[in-house]
PDB file of N, CA and C in Angstrom:
ATOM      1  N   MET A   1     102.313  96.625 114.789  1.00  0.00           N
ATOM      2  CA  MET A   1     103.606  96.230 114.232  1.00  0.00           C
ATOM      3  C   MET A   1     103.595  94.758 113.823  1.00  0.00           C
ATOM      4  N   MET A   2     103.068  93.942 114.711  1.00  0.00           N
ATOM      5  CA  MET A   2     102.993  92.504 114.435  1.00  0.00           C
ATOM      6  C   MET A   2     102.191  92.240 113.170  1.00  0.00           C
ATOM      7  N   LEU A   3     101.084  92.965 113.008  1.00  0.00           N
ATOM      8  CA  LEU A   3     100.214  92.754 111.842  1.00  0.00           C
ATOM      9  C   LEU A   3     100.950  93.103 110.554  1.00  0.00           C
ATOM     10  N   THR A   4     101.769  94.146 110.608  1.00  0.00           N
ATOM     11  CA  THR A   4     102.548  94.554 109.435  1.00  0.00           C
ATOM     12  C   THR A   4     103.467  93.422 109.005  1.00  0.00           C
ATOM     13  N   ILE A   5     104.138  92.789 109.980  1.00  0.00           N
ATOM     14  CA  ILE A   5     105.032  91.663 109.695  1.00  0.00           C
ATOM     15  C   ILE A   5     104.259  90.519 109.055  1.00  0.00           C
ATOM     16  N   ILE A   6     103.062  90.240 109.608  1.00  0.00           N
ATOM     17  CA  ILE A   6     102.221  89.162 109.077  1.00  0.00           C
ATOM     18  C   ILE A   6     101.808  89.476 107.631  1.00  0.00           C
ATOM     19  N   LEU A   7     101.412  90.726 107.380  1.00  0.00           N
ATOM     20  CA  LEU A   7     101.003  91.123 106.029  1.00  0.00           C
ATOM     21  C   LEU A   7     102.148  91.002 105.039  1.00  0.00           C
ATOM     22  N   VAL A   8     103.347  91.428 105.462  1.00  0.00           N
ATOM     23  CA  VAL A   8     104.515  91.308 104.587  1.00  0.00           C
ATOM     24  C   VAL A   8     104.793  89.843 104.273  1.00  0.00           C
ATOM     25  N   ALA A   9     104.666  88.982 105.299  1.00  0.00           N
ATOM     26  CA  ALA A   9     104.883  87.548 105.105  1.00  0.00           C
ATOM     27  C   ALA A   9     103.873  86.985 104.101  1.00  0.00           C
ATOM     28  N   ILE A  10     102.606  87.399 104.214  1.00  0.00           N
ATOM     29  CA  ILE A  10     101.557  86.929 103.303  1.00  0.00           C
ATOM     30  C   ILE A  10     101.884  87.339 101.864  1.00  0.00           C
ATOM     31  N   VAL A  11     102.289  88.605 101.692  1.00  0.00           N
ATOM     32  CA  VAL A  11     102.626  89.110 100.354  1.00  0.00           C
ATOM     33  C   VAL A  11     103.791  88.304  99.770  1.00  0.00           C
ATOM     34  N   LEU A  12     104.814  88.033 100.602  1.00  0.00           N
ATOM     35  CA  LEU A  12     105.962  87.246 100.134  1.00  0.00           C
ATOM     36  C   LEU A  12     105.525  85.854  99.711  1.00  0.00           C
ATOM     37  N   VAL A  13     104.647  85.240 100.498  1.00  0.00           N
ATOM     38  CA  VAL A  13     104.140  83.906 100.156  1.00  0.00           C
ATOM     39  C   VAL A  13     103.399  83.940  98.818  1.00  0.00           C
ATOM     40  N   LEU A  14     102.579  84.971  98.618  1.00  0.00           N
ATOM     41  CA  LEU A  14     101.835  85.101  97.363  1.00  0.00           C
ATOM     42  C   LEU A  14     102.770  85.273  96.176  1.00  0.00           C
ATOM     43  N   VAL A  15     103.801  86.123  96.352  1.00  0.00           N
ATOM     44  CA  VAL A  15     104.754  86.366  95.269  1.00  0.00           C
ATOM     45  C   VAL A  15     105.508  85.087  94.919  1.00  0.00           C
ATOM     46  N   VAL A  16     106.008  84.401  95.947  1.00  0.00           N
ATOM     47  CA  VAL A  16     106.735  83.151  95.724  1.00  0.00           C
ATOM     48  C   VAL A  16     105.820  82.115  95.062  1.00  0.00           C
ATOM     49  N   GLY A  17     104.586  82.029  95.536  1.00  0.00           N
ATOM     50  CA  GLY A  17     103.606  81.108  94.951  1.00  0.00           C
ATOM     51  C   GLY A  17     103.359  81.400  93.484  1.00  0.00           C
ATOM     52  N   ALA A  18     103.251  82.685  93.150  1.00  0.00           N
ATOM     53  CA  ALA A  18     103.017  83.078  91.755  1.00  0.00           C
ATOM     54  C   ALA A  18     104.219  82.731  90.878  1.00  0.00           C
ATOM     55  N   VAL A  19     105.417  82.956  91.419  1.00  0.00           N
ATOM     56  CA  VAL A  19     106.634  82.653  90.660  1.00  0.00           C
ATOM     57  C   VAL A  19     106.738  81.150  90.422  1.00  0.00           C
ATOM     58  N   VAL A  20     106.473  80.359  91.475  1.00  0.00           N
ATOM     59  CA  VAL A  20     106.600  78.906  91.382  1.00  0.00           C
ATOM     60  C   VAL A  20     105.553  78.316  90.431  1.00  0.00           C
ATOM     61  N   THR A  21     104.292  78.752  90.568  1.00  0.00           N
ATOM     62  CA  THR A  21     103.223  78.192  89.744  1.00  0.00           C
ATOM     63  C   THR A  21     103.137  78.864  88.385  1.00  0.00           C
ATOM     64  N   GLY A  22     103.669  80.094  88.275  1.00  0.00           N
ATOM     65  CA  GLY A  22     103.586  80.854  87.032  1.00  0.00           C
ATOM     66  C   GLY A  22     102.190  81.411  86.802  1.00  0.00           C
ATOM     67  N   ASP A  23     101.366  81.429  87.865  1.00  0.00           N
ATOM     68  CA  ASP A  23      99.980  81.904  87.738  1.00  0.00           C
ATOM     69  C   ASP A  23      99.886  83.374  88.165  1.00  0.00           C
ATOM     70  N   TRP A  24     100.290  84.265  87.261  1.00  0.00           N
ATOM     71  CA  TRP A  24     100.331  85.688  87.600  1.00  0.00           C
ATOM     72  C   TRP A  24      98.955  86.352  87.585  1.00  0.00           C
ATOM     73  N   GLU A  25      97.996  85.795  86.853  1.00  0.00           N
ATOM     74  CA  GLU A  25      96.675  86.429  86.797  1.00  0.00           C
ATOM     75  C   GLU A  25      95.963  86.322  88.131  1.00  0.00           C
ATOM     76  N   LYS A  26      96.046  85.133  88.749  1.00  0.00           N
ATOM     77  CA  LYS A  26      95.463  84.948  90.076  1.00  0.00           C
ATOM     78  C   LYS A  26      96.211  85.844  91.071  1.00  0.00           C
ATOM     79  N   MET A  27      97.530  85.910  90.879  1.00  0.00           N
ATOM     80  CA  MET A  27      98.386  86.715  91.740  1.00  0.00           C
ATOM     81  C   MET A  27      97.953  88.179  91.727  1.00  0.00           C
ATOM     82  N   ASP A  28      97.618  88.707  90.553  1.00  0.00           N
ATOM     83  CA  ASP A  28      97.179  90.098  90.431  1.00  0.00           C
ATOM     84  C   ASP A  28      95.973  90.381  91.322  1.00  0.00           C
ATOM     85  N   LYS A  29      94.989  89.475  91.278  1.00  0.00           N
ATOM     86  CA  LYS A  29      93.785  89.669  92.091  1.00  0.00           C
ATOM     87  C   LYS A  29      94.121  89.606  93.575  1.00  0.00           C
ATOM     88  N   LEU A  30      94.918  88.596  93.949  1.00  0.00           N
ATOM     89  CA  LEU A  30      95.295  88.444  95.350  1.00  0.00           C
ATOM     90  C   LEU A  30      96.065  89.662  95.837  1.00  0.00           C
ATOM     91  N   PHE A  31      96.983  90.149  95.007  1.00  0.00           N
ATOM     92  CA  PHE A  31      97.800  91.303  95.380  1.00  0.00           C
ATOM     93  C   PHE A  31      96.933  92.539  95.556  1.00  0.00           C
ATOM     94  N   GLY A  32      95.938  92.690  94.674  1.00  0.00           N
ATOM     95  CA  GLY A  32      95.007  93.811  94.785  1.00  0.00           C
ATOM     96  C   GLY A  32      94.252  93.768  96.100  1.00  0.00           C
ATOM     97  N   VAL A  33      93.790  92.583  96.484  1.00  0.00           N
ATOM     98  CA  VAL A  33      93.065  92.413  97.742  1.00  0.00           C
ATOM     99  C   VAL A  33      93.970  92.721  98.934  1.00  0.00           C
ATOM    100  N   VAL A  34      95.183  92.176  98.910  1.00  0.00           N
ATOM    101  CA  VAL A  34      96.130  92.423 100.004  1.00  0.00           C
ATOM    102  C   VAL A  34      96.452  93.899 100.126  1.00  0.00           C
ATOM    103  N   LEU A  35      96.675  94.549  98.983  1.00  0.00           N
ATOM    104  CA  LEU A  35      96.969  95.977  98.970  1.00  0.00           C
ATOM    105  C   LEU A  35      95.823  96.777  99.573  1.00  0.00           C
ATOM    106  N   LEU A  36      94.601  96.421  99.209  1.00  0.00           N
ATOM    107  CA  LEU A  36      93.408  97.075  99.728  1.00  0.00           C
ATOM    108  C   LEU A  36      93.333  96.920 101.246  1.00  0.00           C
ATOM    109  N   VAL A  37      93.577  95.711 101.731  1.00  0.00           N
ATOM    110  CA  VAL A  37      93.551  95.447 103.175  1.00  0.00           C
ATOM    111  C   VAL A  37      94.600  96.285 103.895  1.00  0.00           C
ATOM    112  N   ILE A  38      95.814  96.361 103.334  1.00  0.00           N
ATOM    113  CA  ILE A  38      96.887  97.154 103.952  1.00  0.00           C
ATOM    114  C   ILE A  38      96.496  98.623 104.009  1.00  0.00           C
ATOM    115  N   ILE A  39      95.963  99.150 102.913  1.00  0.00           N
ATOM    116  CA  ILE A  39      95.565 100.561 102.870  1.00  0.00           C
ATOM    117  C   ILE A  39      94.465 100.834 103.895  1.00  0.00           C
ATOM    118  N   LEU A  40      93.461  99.952 103.945  1.00  0.00           N
ATOM    119  CA  LEU A  40      92.372 100.117 104.917  1.00  0.00           C
ATOM    120  C   LEU A  40      92.898 100.071 106.341  1.00  0.00           C
ATOM    121  N   TYR A  41      93.852  99.166 106.599  1.00  0.00           N
ATOM    122  CA  TYR A  41      94.444  99.050 107.924  1.00  0.00           C
ATOM    123  C   TYR A  41      95.200 100.325 108.306  1.00  0.00           C
ATOM    124  N   TRP A  42      95.961 100.871 107.357  1.00  0.00           N
ATOM    125  CA  TRP A  42      96.702 102.103 107.619  1.00  0.00           C
ATOM    126  C   TRP A  42      95.746 103.255 107.908  1.00  0.00           C
ATOM    127  N   LEU A  43      94.654 103.348 107.151  1.00  0.00           N
ATOM    128  CA  LEU A  43      93.660 104.399 107.395  1.00  0.00           C
ATOM    129  C   LEU A  43      93.049 104.228 108.780  1.00  0.00           C
ATOM    130  N   TYR A  44      92.727 102.991 109.132  1.00  0.00           N
ATOM    131  CA  TYR A  44      92.168 102.669 110.445  1.00  0.00           C
ATOM    132  C   TYR A  44      93.133 103.105 111.550  1.00  0.00           C
ATOM    133  N   GLN A  45      94.419 102.791 111.387  1.00  0.00           N
ATOM    134  CA  GLN A  45      95.436 103.163 112.370  1.00  0.00           C
ATOM    135  C   GLN A  45      95.551 104.682 112.478  1.00  0.00           C
ATOM    136  N   ALA A  46      95.483 105.362 111.345  1.00  0.00           N
ATOM    137  CA  ALA A  46      95.638 106.817 111.310  1.00  0.00           C
ATOM    138  C   ALA A  46      94.506 107.506 112.074  1.00  0.00           C
ATOM    139  N   PHE A  47      93.308 106.961 112.005  1.00  0.00           N
ATOM    140  CA  PHE A  47      92.156 107.601 112.640  1.00  0.00           C
ATOM    141  C   PHE A  47      91.914 107.153 114.074  1.00  0.00           C
ATOM    142  N   MET A  48      92.588 106.090 114.515  1.00  0.00           N
ATOM    143  CA  MET A  48      92.397 105.616 115.885  1.00  0.00           C
ATOM    144  C   MET A  48      93.315 106.347 116.854  1.00  0.00           C
TER     145      MET A  48
END
C-alpha cells in the first residue's frame, strides 16, 4: 500500500514537472517507465 502511494506521488511530480517545464517528450519516456514499473509490481503482487 505504501509503495502505491509513493508511485502515485512520483507520477504527480513528473506530471507537474512536465507542465511547469513544458517538456512533454521527456515526460512521455518517464511516464512509460513508471507505468512499466507499476505493471511489473502489480504482477509481482498477484503472484506472491
